[in-house]
Amino acid sequence: MGQQLSFYSAEARRPGVDDLAGLLCGPGRVLGFARGRAARLTAVLADPWRGPALVAALAERGVQAESGAPEPVGDPEPPAAGQEPGAQPPVQVRTPFRTDLAPLAAHWLLAGAKVVPSGFTPHGGVLRLWALTSGRWVEPGYLLGLDPDAPDTHEPLRAAHASAGLPAALLTPKSGGPALRVTGRRRLERLSELVGRAPTGVGDRTWPAA
């Protein structure tokens, strides 16, 4: 069992572009271009510190990205529920259009809608970027945020998470989601081993740990 966990952990695997599926497990979006020959990724992040941390993680995988204010779409949205007055606004990480991101678009898009690829199982690198994108502690467990605008991905991602040996509860928006909540010492230990040590600048209370 220990060897299998190490094999799938983020620190045992060489960082790769396929890890960027972790953004798509969360609120990230992929957009194809040039008839599927290129694509770009974007992700709106609730906490400003996630921007530079995620940009650095993408750079480790050979993908340049920038962090800044979210691109405006329609009228400004009201503050998120539970957001404190004066809280810092969200940031957006975006990549340029790249040919090496085209496979992500091919696997995660169907008729323009985000879908979970058939047979998808998140390995450590994917979970690491998922945690960077939308992971947080909410007692009694660790939450991995889902895409509120892609509800059809929630149950498939719960099943994919379980296939990685991490059964999790699916939380609805009314119960603090949408998110997957991992609880229990053994499951949190497995998640912690899979995602690896916290990146520089990421607080312990934000990163998965048993």
N, C-alpha and C. Protein backbone atom coordinates (compact mmCIF):
# COMPACT_ATOMS: atom_id res chain seq x y z
N MET A 1 0.83 -1.20 0.00
CA MET A 1 0.00 0.00 0.00
C MET A 1 0.86 1.25 0.00
N GLY A 2 1.95 1.26 0.85
CA GLY A 2 2.79 2.44 0.93
C GLY A 2 3.45 2.75 -0.40
N GLN A 3 3.92 1.73 -1.14
CA GLN A 3 4.56 1.96 -2.41
C GLN A 3 3.57 2.54 -3.41
N GLN A 4 2.33 2.07 -3.39
CA GLN A 4 1.34 2.58 -4.32
C GLN A 4 1.04 4.05 -4.04
N LEU A 5 0.94 4.41 -2.76
CA LEU A 5 0.68 5.80 -2.43
C LEU A 5 1.82 6.68 -2.90
N SER A 6 3.07 6.23 -2.68
CA SER A 6 4.21 7.03 -3.10
C SER A 6 4.24 7.19 -4.60
N PHE A 7 3.88 6.13 -5.34
CA PHE A 7 3.89 6.19 -6.80
C PHE A 7 2.94 7.25 -7.31
N TYR A 8 1.79 7.39 -6.67
CA TYR A 8 0.78 8.33 -7.13
C TYR A 8 0.91 9.71 -6.51
N SER A 9 1.83 9.91 -5.57
CA SER A 9 1.95 11.19 -4.91
C SER A 9 2.56 12.24 -5.83
N ALA A 10 2.26 13.50 -5.55
CA ALA A 10 2.77 14.59 -6.37
C ALA A 10 4.28 14.66 -6.33
N GLU A 11 4.88 14.34 -5.18
CA GLU A 11 6.32 14.46 -5.05
C GLU A 11 7.06 13.32 -5.73
N ALA A 12 6.38 12.21 -5.98
CA ALA A 12 7.02 11.09 -6.66
C ALA A 12 6.91 11.19 -8.17
N ARG A 13 5.99 11.99 -8.65
CA ARG A 13 5.75 12.15 -10.09
C ARG A 13 6.42 13.42 -10.59
N ARG A 14 6.90 13.37 -11.81
CA ARG A 14 7.43 14.58 -12.41
C ARG A 14 6.27 15.51 -12.76
N PRO A 15 6.35 16.79 -12.37
CA PRO A 15 5.26 17.71 -12.71
C PRO A 15 5.02 17.75 -14.21
N GLY A 16 3.76 17.71 -14.62
CA GLY A 16 3.43 17.68 -16.04
C GLY A 16 2.19 18.49 -16.35
N VAL A 17 1.97 18.74 -17.63
CA VAL A 17 0.82 19.52 -18.06
C VAL A 17 -0.49 18.84 -17.67
N ASP A 18 -0.49 17.51 -17.60
CA ASP A 18 -1.73 16.82 -17.25
C ASP A 18 -2.18 17.15 -15.83
N ASP A 19 -1.26 17.65 -14.98
CA ASP A 19 -1.65 18.07 -13.63
C ASP A 19 -2.66 19.21 -13.65
N LEU A 20 -2.69 19.96 -14.75
CA LEU A 20 -3.57 21.13 -14.83
C LEU A 20 -5.05 20.75 -14.84
N ALA A 21 -5.34 19.46 -14.97
CA ALA A 21 -6.72 19.01 -14.79
C ALA A 21 -7.24 19.36 -13.40
N GLY A 22 -6.32 19.58 -12.44
CA GLY A 22 -6.74 19.97 -11.10
C GLY A 22 -7.49 21.29 -11.08
N LEU A 23 -7.14 22.21 -12.00
CA LEU A 23 -7.89 23.47 -12.08
C LEU A 23 -9.31 23.21 -12.54
N LEU A 24 -9.46 22.23 -13.44
CA LEU A 24 -10.78 21.94 -14.01
C LEU A 24 -11.64 21.15 -13.04
N CYS A 25 -11.02 20.42 -12.11
CA CYS A 25 -11.81 19.78 -11.06
C CYS A 25 -12.47 20.84 -10.19
N GLY A 26 -11.80 21.97 -10.02
CA GLY A 26 -12.35 23.09 -9.29
C GLY A 26 -13.06 24.04 -10.25
N PRO A 27 -12.93 25.35 -10.02
CA PRO A 27 -13.68 26.31 -10.82
C PRO A 27 -13.02 26.69 -12.13
N GLY A 28 -11.90 26.06 -12.49
CA GLY A 28 -11.21 26.42 -13.71
C GLY A 28 -12.01 26.09 -14.96
N ARG A 29 -11.69 26.81 -16.04
CA ARG A 29 -12.35 26.61 -17.32
C ARG A 29 -11.30 26.48 -18.42
N VAL A 30 -11.61 25.71 -19.44
CA VAL A 30 -10.73 25.56 -20.59
C VAL A 30 -11.49 25.99 -21.83
N LEU A 31 -10.79 26.67 -22.72
CA LEU A 31 -11.39 27.17 -23.95
C LEU A 31 -10.53 26.75 -25.13
N GLY A 32 -11.13 26.01 -26.05
CA GLY A 32 -10.42 25.59 -27.24
C GLY A 32 -10.32 26.70 -28.27
N PHE A 33 -9.37 26.54 -29.19
CA PHE A 33 -9.13 27.57 -30.21
C PHE A 33 -8.53 26.89 -31.43
N ALA A 34 -8.71 27.52 -32.58
CA ALA A 34 -8.11 27.05 -33.83
C ALA A 34 -8.50 25.60 -34.11
N ARG A 35 -9.82 25.33 -34.02
CA ARG A 35 -10.35 24.00 -34.31
C ARG A 35 -9.66 22.90 -33.51
N GLY A 36 -9.46 23.21 -32.23
CA GLY A 36 -8.92 22.20 -31.33
C GLY A 36 -7.42 22.08 -31.32
N ARG A 37 -6.72 22.96 -32.01
CA ARG A 37 -5.26 22.86 -32.05
C ARG A 37 -4.58 23.57 -30.89
N ALA A 38 -5.33 24.38 -30.15
CA ALA A 38 -4.78 25.10 -29.00
C ALA A 38 -5.90 25.33 -28.00
N ALA A 39 -5.52 25.68 -26.79
CA ALA A 39 -6.50 25.96 -25.73
C ALA A 39 -5.86 26.84 -24.67
N ARG A 40 -6.70 27.46 -23.86
CA ARG A 40 -6.23 28.23 -22.72
C ARG A 40 -7.02 27.84 -21.49
N LEU A 41 -6.41 28.02 -20.32
CA LEU A 41 -7.06 27.75 -19.05
C LEU A 41 -7.23 29.05 -18.28
N THR A 42 -8.35 29.18 -17.60
CA THR A 42 -8.58 30.29 -16.68
C THR A 42 -9.19 29.74 -15.40
N ALA A 43 -8.93 30.42 -14.30
CA ALA A 43 -9.54 30.03 -13.03
C ALA A 43 -9.68 31.25 -12.15
N VAL A 44 -10.88 31.50 -11.69
CA VAL A 44 -11.13 32.58 -10.73
C VAL A 44 -10.94 32.01 -9.33
N LEU A 45 -10.09 32.66 -8.55
CA LEU A 45 -9.68 32.16 -7.24
C LEU A 45 -10.23 33.09 -6.16
N ALA A 46 -10.78 32.49 -5.11
CA ALA A 46 -11.42 33.28 -4.07
C ALA A 46 -10.44 34.07 -3.22
N ASP A 47 -9.19 33.59 -3.12
CA ASP A 47 -8.21 34.22 -2.23
C ASP A 47 -7.03 34.74 -3.04
N PRO A 48 -6.64 36.00 -2.82
CA PRO A 48 -5.54 36.57 -3.61
C PRO A 48 -4.23 35.80 -3.53
N TRP A 49 -3.93 35.18 -2.37
CA TRP A 49 -2.66 34.47 -2.26
C TRP A 49 -2.56 33.29 -3.21
N ARG A 50 -3.72 32.77 -3.65
CA ARG A 50 -3.69 31.62 -4.54
C ARG A 50 -3.12 31.98 -5.92
N GLY A 51 -3.27 33.24 -6.32
CA GLY A 51 -2.80 33.65 -7.64
C GLY A 51 -1.33 33.36 -7.87
N PRO A 52 -0.41 33.99 -7.09
CA PRO A 52 1.01 33.72 -7.30
C PRO A 52 1.40 32.28 -7.04
N ALA A 53 0.75 31.62 -6.07
CA ALA A 53 1.07 30.22 -5.80
C ALA A 53 0.74 29.34 -7.00
N LEU A 54 -0.41 29.61 -7.63
CA LEU A 54 -0.81 28.80 -8.78
C LEU A 54 0.03 29.13 -10.00
N VAL A 55 0.35 30.41 -10.20
CA VAL A 55 1.22 30.79 -11.31
C VAL A 55 2.57 30.08 -11.18
N ALA A 56 3.11 30.02 -9.97
CA ALA A 56 4.39 29.34 -9.74
C ALA A 56 4.27 27.84 -10.03
N ALA A 57 3.14 27.24 -9.63
CA ALA A 57 2.94 25.82 -9.88
C ALA A 57 2.84 25.52 -11.37
N LEU A 58 2.18 26.40 -12.11
CA LEU A 58 2.08 26.20 -13.56
C LEU A 58 3.45 26.36 -14.21
N ALA A 59 4.25 27.32 -13.72
CA ALA A 59 5.59 27.51 -14.27
C ALA A 59 6.45 26.26 -14.07
N GLU A 60 6.27 25.57 -12.94
CA GLU A 60 7.00 24.32 -12.70
C GLU A 60 6.66 23.27 -13.75
N ARG A 61 5.50 23.42 -14.36
CA ARG A 61 5.04 22.48 -15.38
C ARG A 61 5.23 23.03 -16.79
N GLY A 62 6.02 24.08 -16.90
CA GLY A 62 6.36 24.64 -18.20
C GLY A 62 5.28 25.47 -18.84
N VAL A 63 4.29 25.91 -18.05
CA VAL A 63 3.17 26.68 -18.57
C VAL A 63 3.19 28.07 -17.94
N GLN A 64 3.41 29.08 -18.74
CA GLN A 64 3.41 30.45 -18.23
C GLN A 64 1.97 30.93 -18.07
N ALA A 65 1.73 31.67 -17.01
CA ALA A 65 0.40 32.20 -16.74
C ALA A 65 0.54 33.54 -16.05
N GLU A 66 -0.55 34.28 -16.00
CA GLU A 66 -0.56 35.55 -15.30
C GLU A 66 -1.73 35.59 -14.34
N SER A 67 -1.58 36.42 -13.33
CA SER A 67 -2.62 36.57 -12.31
C SER A 67 -3.05 38.02 -12.26
N GLY A 68 -4.36 38.26 -12.23
CA GLY A 68 -4.87 39.62 -12.19
C GLY A 68 -6.34 39.64 -11.88
N ALA A 69 -6.95 40.77 -12.09
CA ALA A 69 -8.38 40.91 -11.83
C ALA A 69 -9.16 40.04 -12.80
N PRO A 70 -10.27 39.45 -12.35
CA PRO A 70 -11.09 38.63 -13.26
C PRO A 70 -11.58 39.44 -14.45
N GLU A 71 -11.65 38.79 -15.60
CA GLU A 71 -12.18 39.46 -16.78
C GLU A 71 -13.66 39.71 -16.57
N PRO A 72 -14.15 40.93 -16.78
CA PRO A 72 -15.57 41.23 -16.52
C PRO A 72 -16.49 40.48 -17.47
N VAL A 73 -17.57 39.94 -16.90
CA VAL A 73 -18.60 39.27 -17.69
C VAL A 73 -19.95 39.76 -17.19
N GLY A 74 -20.61 40.62 -17.94
CA GLY A 74 -21.91 41.15 -17.53
C GLY A 74 -21.77 42.11 -16.37
N ASP A 75 -22.85 42.24 -15.59
CA ASP A 75 -22.86 43.16 -14.46
C ASP A 75 -22.04 42.60 -13.31
N PRO A 76 -21.43 43.47 -12.51
CA PRO A 76 -20.66 42.99 -11.35
C PRO A 76 -21.53 42.18 -10.42
N GLU A 77 -20.96 41.07 -9.90
CA GLU A 77 -21.71 40.21 -9.00
C GLU A 77 -21.63 40.76 -7.58
N PRO A 78 -22.67 40.51 -6.77
CA PRO A 78 -22.61 40.94 -5.37
C PRO A 78 -21.59 40.10 -4.63
N PRO A 79 -21.15 40.54 -3.43
CA PRO A 79 -20.19 39.76 -2.66
C PRO A 79 -20.72 38.36 -2.37
N ALA A 80 -19.82 37.40 -2.35
CA ALA A 80 -20.21 36.02 -2.08
C ALA A 80 -20.76 35.90 -0.68
N ALA A 81 -21.64 34.92 -0.49
CA ALA A 81 -22.23 34.70 0.83
C ALA A 81 -21.14 34.40 1.84
N GLY A 82 -21.17 35.08 2.97
CA GLY A 82 -20.19 34.87 4.01
C GLY A 82 -18.93 35.69 3.85
N GLN A 83 -18.81 36.42 2.74
CA GLN A 83 -17.63 37.24 2.53
C GLN A 83 -17.68 38.45 3.45
N GLU A 84 -16.58 38.68 4.17
CA GLU A 84 -16.54 39.77 5.13
C GLU A 84 -16.44 41.11 4.40
N PRO A 85 -17.05 42.17 4.99
CA PRO A 85 -16.93 43.49 4.40
C PRO A 85 -15.45 43.89 4.29
N GLY A 86 -15.08 44.45 3.15
CA GLY A 86 -13.70 44.85 2.96
C GLY A 86 -12.77 43.72 2.57
N ALA A 87 -13.31 42.52 2.38
CA ALA A 87 -12.47 41.39 1.98
C ALA A 87 -11.89 41.65 0.60
N GLN A 88 -10.68 41.12 0.38
CA GLN A 88 -10.02 41.33 -0.88
C GLN A 88 -10.79 40.64 -2.01
N PRO A 89 -10.84 41.26 -3.18
CA PRO A 89 -11.58 40.66 -4.30
C PRO A 89 -10.85 39.44 -4.84
N PRO A 90 -11.56 38.58 -5.56
CA PRO A 90 -10.93 37.41 -6.14
C PRO A 90 -9.95 37.80 -7.25
N VAL A 91 -9.11 36.85 -7.61
CA VAL A 91 -8.16 37.05 -8.70
C VAL A 91 -8.39 35.95 -9.73
N GLN A 92 -7.90 36.20 -10.92
CA GLN A 92 -8.00 35.21 -11.99
C GLN A 92 -6.62 34.86 -12.50
N VAL A 93 -6.37 33.58 -12.64
CA VAL A 93 -5.15 33.10 -13.30
C VAL A 93 -5.54 32.66 -14.70
N ARG A 94 -4.74 33.07 -15.66
CA ARG A 94 -5.05 32.72 -17.06
C ARG A 94 -3.76 32.39 -17.80
N THR A 95 -3.85 31.44 -18.69
CA THR A 95 -2.72 31.08 -19.55
C THR A 95 -2.98 31.66 -20.94
N PRO A 96 -1.95 31.75 -21.76
CA PRO A 96 -2.19 32.05 -23.17
C PRO A 96 -2.72 30.80 -23.88
N PHE A 97 -3.16 30.94 -25.11
CA PHE A 97 -3.52 29.77 -25.90
C PHE A 97 -2.25 28.99 -26.23
N ARG A 98 -2.29 27.68 -25.96
CA ARG A 98 -1.11 26.82 -26.15
C ARG A 98 -1.55 25.51 -26.77
N THR A 99 -0.68 24.98 -27.62
CA THR A 99 -1.00 23.70 -28.25
C THR A 99 -0.96 22.56 -27.25
N ASP A 100 -0.10 22.64 -26.22
CA ASP A 100 0.00 21.53 -25.27
C ASP A 100 -1.18 21.48 -24.30
N LEU A 101 -2.06 22.49 -24.34
CA LEU A 101 -3.27 22.45 -23.53
C LEU A 101 -4.47 21.92 -24.30
N ALA A 102 -4.29 21.71 -25.61
CA ALA A 102 -5.40 21.23 -26.43
C ALA A 102 -5.96 19.89 -25.95
N PRO A 103 -5.12 18.93 -25.50
CA PRO A 103 -5.71 17.67 -25.01
C PRO A 103 -6.64 17.86 -23.83
N LEU A 104 -6.37 18.84 -22.96
CA LEU A 104 -7.28 19.09 -21.84
C LEU A 104 -8.65 19.53 -22.36
N ALA A 105 -8.65 20.41 -23.37
CA ALA A 105 -9.91 20.85 -23.94
C ALA A 105 -10.64 19.68 -24.59
N ALA A 106 -9.90 18.82 -25.27
CA ALA A 106 -10.53 17.68 -25.95
C ALA A 106 -11.18 16.73 -24.95
N HIS A 107 -10.54 16.57 -23.78
CA HIS A 107 -11.05 15.62 -22.79
C HIS A 107 -12.12 16.21 -21.89
N TRP A 108 -12.04 17.53 -21.62
CA TRP A 108 -12.90 18.15 -20.62
C TRP A 108 -14.04 18.97 -21.21
N LEU A 109 -14.15 19.02 -22.53
CA LEU A 109 -15.25 19.76 -23.16
C LEU A 109 -16.07 18.84 -24.04
N LEU A 110 -17.38 19.01 -23.97
CA LEU A 110 -18.30 18.29 -24.83
C LEU A 110 -19.38 19.28 -25.26
N ALA A 111 -19.40 19.59 -26.53
CA ALA A 111 -20.34 20.58 -27.06
C ALA A 111 -20.26 21.90 -26.30
N GLY A 112 -19.04 22.27 -25.93
CA GLY A 112 -18.80 23.53 -25.26
C GLY A 112 -19.01 23.52 -23.76
N ALA A 113 -19.49 22.41 -23.20
CA ALA A 113 -19.74 22.32 -21.76
C ALA A 113 -18.63 21.51 -21.08
N LYS A 114 -18.30 21.89 -19.85
CA LYS A 114 -17.27 21.16 -19.11
C LYS A 114 -17.81 19.82 -18.64
N VAL A 115 -17.05 18.76 -18.90
CA VAL A 115 -17.42 17.41 -18.49
C VAL A 115 -16.20 16.75 -17.85
N VAL A 116 -16.44 15.71 -17.07
CA VAL A 116 -15.36 14.91 -16.50
C VAL A 116 -15.05 13.77 -17.46
N PRO A 117 -13.80 13.62 -17.89
CA PRO A 117 -13.48 12.56 -18.84
C PRO A 117 -13.81 11.17 -18.30
N SER A 118 -14.24 10.31 -19.18
CA SER A 118 -14.54 8.93 -18.79
C SER A 118 -13.28 8.26 -18.26
N GLY A 119 -13.41 7.58 -17.12
CA GLY A 119 -12.28 6.87 -16.54
C GLY A 119 -11.29 7.75 -15.81
N PHE A 120 -11.61 9.02 -15.62
CA PHE A 120 -10.69 9.95 -14.96
C PHE A 120 -10.50 9.58 -13.49
N THR A 121 -9.22 9.51 -13.06
CA THR A 121 -8.86 9.30 -11.67
C THR A 121 -7.76 10.29 -11.32
N PRO A 122 -7.99 11.19 -10.38
CA PRO A 122 -6.99 12.21 -10.06
C PRO A 122 -5.79 11.62 -9.32
N HIS A 123 -4.59 11.86 -9.87
CA HIS A 123 -3.37 11.46 -9.17
C HIS A 123 -2.87 12.63 -8.32
N GLY A 124 -1.73 12.46 -7.70
CA GLY A 124 -1.24 13.46 -6.76
C GLY A 124 -1.05 14.84 -7.37
N GLY A 125 -0.51 14.90 -8.59
CA GLY A 125 -0.29 16.20 -9.22
C GLY A 125 -1.58 16.94 -9.47
N VAL A 126 -2.62 16.23 -9.90
CA VAL A 126 -3.93 16.83 -10.12
C VAL A 126 -4.51 17.33 -8.80
N LEU A 127 -4.43 16.50 -7.77
CA LEU A 127 -4.97 16.89 -6.46
C LEU A 127 -4.20 18.08 -5.88
N ARG A 128 -2.91 18.15 -6.15
CA ARG A 128 -2.11 19.26 -5.65
C ARG A 128 -2.60 20.59 -6.24
N LEU A 129 -2.84 20.62 -7.54
CA LEU A 129 -3.31 21.84 -8.17
C LEU A 129 -4.77 22.12 -7.82
N TRP A 130 -5.54 21.08 -7.60
CA TRP A 130 -6.92 21.27 -7.14
C TRP A 130 -6.93 21.95 -5.78
N ALA A 131 -6.07 21.47 -4.87
CA ALA A 131 -5.99 22.08 -3.54
C ALA A 131 -5.53 23.53 -3.63
N LEU A 132 -4.57 23.81 -4.51
CA LEU A 132 -4.11 25.19 -4.69
C LEU A 132 -5.22 26.08 -5.23
N THR A 133 -6.06 25.52 -6.09
CA THR A 133 -7.10 26.30 -6.74
C THR A 133 -8.27 26.58 -5.81
N SER A 134 -8.72 25.56 -5.06
CA SER A 134 -9.95 25.76 -4.28
C SER A 134 -10.03 24.93 -3.01
N GLY A 135 -8.90 24.49 -2.48
CA GLY A 135 -8.92 23.69 -1.26
C GLY A 135 -8.92 24.55 -0.01
N ARG A 136 -9.58 24.07 1.05
CA ARG A 136 -9.60 24.81 2.30
C ARG A 136 -10.08 23.89 3.43
N TRP A 137 -9.70 24.25 4.64
CA TRP A 137 -10.17 23.54 5.82
C TRP A 137 -11.48 24.13 6.30
N VAL A 138 -12.45 23.28 6.50
CA VAL A 138 -13.70 23.64 7.18
C VAL A 138 -14.02 22.45 8.08
N GLU A 139 -13.82 22.63 9.37
CA GLU A 139 -14.00 21.50 10.30
C GLU A 139 -15.37 20.86 10.09
N PRO A 140 -15.42 19.52 10.06
CA PRO A 140 -14.39 18.60 10.51
C PRO A 140 -13.58 17.96 9.38
N GLY A 141 -13.31 18.66 8.32
CA GLY A 141 -12.57 18.03 7.24
C GLY A 141 -11.98 19.04 6.28
N TYR A 142 -11.44 18.51 5.18
CA TYR A 142 -10.82 19.33 4.15
C TYR A 142 -11.73 19.36 2.94
N LEU A 143 -11.96 20.57 2.41
CA LEU A 143 -12.86 20.75 1.28
C LEU A 143 -12.07 21.04 0.01
N LEU A 144 -12.46 20.38 -1.07
CA LEU A 144 -11.96 20.68 -2.40
C LEU A 144 -13.13 21.27 -3.18
N GLY A 145 -13.04 22.56 -3.49
CA GLY A 145 -14.14 23.25 -4.13
C GLY A 145 -14.41 22.76 -5.53
N LEU A 146 -15.68 22.73 -5.90
CA LEU A 146 -16.12 22.34 -7.23
C LEU A 146 -16.58 23.57 -8.01
N ASP A 147 -16.89 23.38 -9.27
CA ASP A 147 -17.31 24.47 -10.13
C ASP A 147 -18.82 24.70 -9.95
N PRO A 148 -19.23 25.83 -9.39
CA PRO A 148 -20.67 26.05 -9.19
C PRO A 148 -21.43 26.19 -10.49
N ASP A 149 -20.73 26.50 -11.58
CA ASP A 149 -21.39 26.67 -12.87
C ASP A 149 -21.37 25.40 -13.72
N ALA A 150 -20.86 24.31 -13.16
CA ALA A 150 -20.83 23.03 -13.88
C ALA A 150 -21.32 21.92 -12.96
N PRO A 151 -22.59 21.98 -12.53
CA PRO A 151 -23.10 21.01 -11.55
C PRO A 151 -23.05 19.57 -12.04
N ASP A 152 -23.08 19.36 -13.35
CA ASP A 152 -23.05 17.99 -13.86
C ASP A 152 -21.69 17.32 -13.65
N THR A 153 -20.68 18.10 -13.27
CA THR A 153 -19.37 17.50 -13.00
C THR A 153 -19.23 17.05 -11.54
N HIS A 154 -20.13 17.44 -10.68
CA HIS A 154 -19.94 17.21 -9.25
C HIS A 154 -19.96 15.73 -8.88
N GLU A 155 -20.99 15.02 -9.28
CA GLU A 155 -21.08 13.60 -8.94
C GLU A 155 -19.98 12.79 -9.63
N PRO A 156 -19.67 13.01 -10.92
CA PRO A 156 -18.55 12.28 -11.53
C PRO A 156 -17.23 12.53 -10.82
N LEU A 157 -17.01 13.75 -10.33
CA LEU A 157 -15.77 14.02 -9.61
C LEU A 157 -15.76 13.35 -8.25
N ARG A 158 -16.93 13.25 -7.61
CA ARG A 158 -16.98 12.50 -6.34
C ARG A 158 -16.61 11.05 -6.58
N ALA A 159 -17.14 10.47 -7.68
CA ALA A 159 -16.83 9.08 -8.00
C ALA A 159 -15.35 8.92 -8.37
N ALA A 160 -14.80 9.88 -9.10
CA ALA A 160 -13.38 9.82 -9.48
C ALA A 160 -12.50 9.93 -8.25
N HIS A 161 -12.90 10.77 -7.31
CA HIS A 161 -12.16 10.94 -6.06
C HIS A 161 -12.15 9.62 -5.29
N ALA A 162 -13.28 8.95 -5.24
CA ALA A 162 -13.36 7.67 -4.56
C ALA A 162 -12.48 6.63 -5.25
N SER A 163 -12.39 6.68 -6.58
CA SER A 163 -11.56 5.72 -7.31
C SER A 163 -10.08 5.91 -7.01
N ALA A 164 -9.71 7.09 -6.50
CA ALA A 164 -8.34 7.35 -6.09
C ALA A 164 -8.11 6.95 -4.64
N GLY A 165 -9.10 6.28 -4.04
CA GLY A 165 -8.98 5.84 -2.66
C GLY A 165 -9.31 6.93 -1.65
N LEU A 166 -10.08 7.94 -2.09
CA LEU A 166 -10.42 9.06 -1.22
C LEU A 166 -11.93 9.30 -1.23
N PRO A 167 -12.71 8.41 -0.63
CA PRO A 167 -14.16 8.67 -0.55
C PRO A 167 -14.41 10.01 0.12
N ALA A 168 -15.34 10.77 -0.43
CA ALA A 168 -15.63 12.11 0.10
C ALA A 168 -17.12 12.38 0.01
N ALA A 169 -17.58 13.24 0.88
CA ALA A 169 -18.98 13.66 0.86
C ALA A 169 -19.14 14.81 -0.12
N LEU A 170 -20.22 14.77 -0.88
CA LEU A 170 -20.52 15.84 -1.82
C LEU A 170 -21.41 16.87 -1.12
N LEU A 171 -20.88 18.08 -0.96
CA LEU A 171 -21.62 19.15 -0.30
C LEU A 171 -22.29 20.03 -1.34
N THR A 172 -23.55 20.33 -1.12
CA THR A 172 -24.30 21.23 -1.98
C THR A 172 -24.03 22.67 -1.56
N PRO A 173 -24.42 23.64 -2.38
CA PRO A 173 -24.25 25.04 -1.96
C PRO A 173 -24.92 25.36 -0.63
N LYS A 174 -26.05 24.72 -0.35
CA LYS A 174 -26.75 24.98 0.91
C LYS A 174 -25.97 24.47 2.12
N SER A 175 -25.09 23.51 1.90
CA SER A 175 -24.33 22.94 3.02
C SER A 175 -22.86 23.35 2.99
N GLY A 176 -22.57 24.45 2.29
CA GLY A 176 -21.20 24.96 2.29
C GLY A 176 -20.41 24.65 1.04
N GLY A 177 -21.04 24.03 0.04
CA GLY A 177 -20.36 23.70 -1.19
C GLY A 177 -20.64 24.69 -2.29
N PRO A 178 -20.53 24.28 -3.54
CA PRO A 178 -20.27 22.89 -3.91
C PRO A 178 -18.82 22.51 -3.65
N ALA A 179 -18.65 21.35 -3.05
CA ALA A 179 -17.31 20.89 -2.69
C ALA A 179 -17.36 19.41 -2.32
N LEU A 180 -16.20 18.79 -2.36
CA LEU A 180 -16.02 17.46 -1.79
C LEU A 180 -15.35 17.62 -0.44
N ARG A 181 -15.88 16.95 0.57
CA ARG A 181 -15.30 17.05 1.92
C ARG A 181 -14.68 15.72 2.31
N VAL A 182 -13.39 15.76 2.59
CA VAL A 182 -12.65 14.59 3.04
C VAL A 182 -12.52 14.64 4.55
N THR A 183 -12.95 13.58 5.22
CA THR A 183 -12.87 13.52 6.67
C THR A 183 -12.24 12.19 7.08
N GLY A 184 -11.82 12.13 8.33
CA GLY A 184 -11.24 10.90 8.86
C GLY A 184 -9.72 10.92 8.76
N ARG A 185 -9.06 10.42 9.80
CA ARG A 185 -7.60 10.49 9.87
C ARG A 185 -6.93 9.78 8.70
N ARG A 186 -7.36 8.57 8.38
CA ARG A 186 -6.70 7.82 7.32
C ARG A 186 -6.88 8.48 5.96
N ARG A 187 -8.06 8.97 5.68
CA ARG A 187 -8.30 9.62 4.39
C ARG A 187 -7.51 10.92 4.29
N LEU A 188 -7.44 11.67 5.38
CA LEU A 188 -6.67 12.91 5.36
C LEU A 188 -5.18 12.63 5.24
N GLU A 189 -4.72 11.55 5.84
CA GLU A 189 -3.32 11.16 5.68
C GLU A 189 -3.02 10.81 4.23
N ARG A 190 -3.94 10.09 3.60
CA ARG A 190 -3.73 9.72 2.20
C ARG A 190 -3.73 10.97 1.30
N LEU A 191 -4.68 11.88 1.55
CA LEU A 191 -4.72 13.11 0.77
C LEU A 191 -3.44 13.91 0.97
N SER A 192 -2.98 14.00 2.21
CA SER A 192 -1.76 14.74 2.50
C SER A 192 -0.56 14.14 1.78
N GLU A 193 -0.47 12.81 1.76
CA GLU A 193 0.64 12.15 1.06
C GLU A 193 0.56 12.37 -0.44
N LEU A 194 -0.64 12.34 -0.99
CA LEU A 194 -0.80 12.49 -2.43
C LEU A 194 -0.46 13.90 -2.91
N VAL A 195 -0.85 14.93 -2.17
CA VAL A 195 -0.60 16.30 -2.62
C VAL A 195 0.81 16.77 -2.31
N GLY A 196 1.49 16.14 -1.36
CA GLY A 196 2.85 16.54 -1.02
C GLY A 196 2.87 17.73 -0.07
N ARG A 197 4.08 18.22 0.18
CA ARG A 197 4.26 19.33 1.12
C ARG A 197 3.68 20.62 0.56
N ALA A 198 3.29 21.49 1.47
CA ALA A 198 2.70 22.77 1.07
C ALA A 198 3.71 23.61 0.30
N PRO A 199 3.30 24.24 -0.79
CA PRO A 199 4.20 25.14 -1.52
C PRO A 199 4.58 26.35 -0.66
N THR A 200 5.65 27.01 -1.01
CA THR A 200 6.08 28.21 -0.31
C THR A 200 4.96 29.25 -0.33
N GLY A 201 4.69 29.82 0.83
CA GLY A 201 3.69 30.88 0.92
C GLY A 201 2.29 30.39 1.18
N VAL A 202 2.11 29.07 1.26
CA VAL A 202 0.78 28.50 1.51
C VAL A 202 0.72 28.07 2.96
N GLY A 203 -0.22 28.60 3.71
CA GLY A 203 -0.33 28.33 5.14
C GLY A 203 -0.73 26.90 5.45
N ASP A 204 -0.28 26.41 6.59
CA ASP A 204 -0.61 25.05 7.00
C ASP A 204 -2.11 24.83 7.14
N ARG A 205 -2.84 25.84 7.56
CA ARG A 205 -4.27 25.68 7.76
C ARG A 205 -5.04 25.72 6.46
N THR A 206 -4.35 25.94 5.37
CA THR A 206 -4.99 25.91 4.07
C THR A 206 -4.66 24.63 3.32
N TRP A 207 -3.56 23.98 3.69
CA TRP A 207 -3.06 22.83 2.95
C TRP A 207 -3.50 21.53 3.61
N PRO A 208 -3.79 20.49 2.82
CA PRO A 208 -4.21 19.22 3.42
C PRO A 208 -3.16 18.64 4.35
N ALA A 209 -3.58 18.20 5.50
CA ALA A 209 -2.71 17.54 6.47
C ALA A 209 -3.59 16.70 7.37
N ALA A 210 -3.03 15.61 7.84
CA ALA A 210 -3.80 14.73 8.73
C ALA A 210 -3.95 15.37 10.10
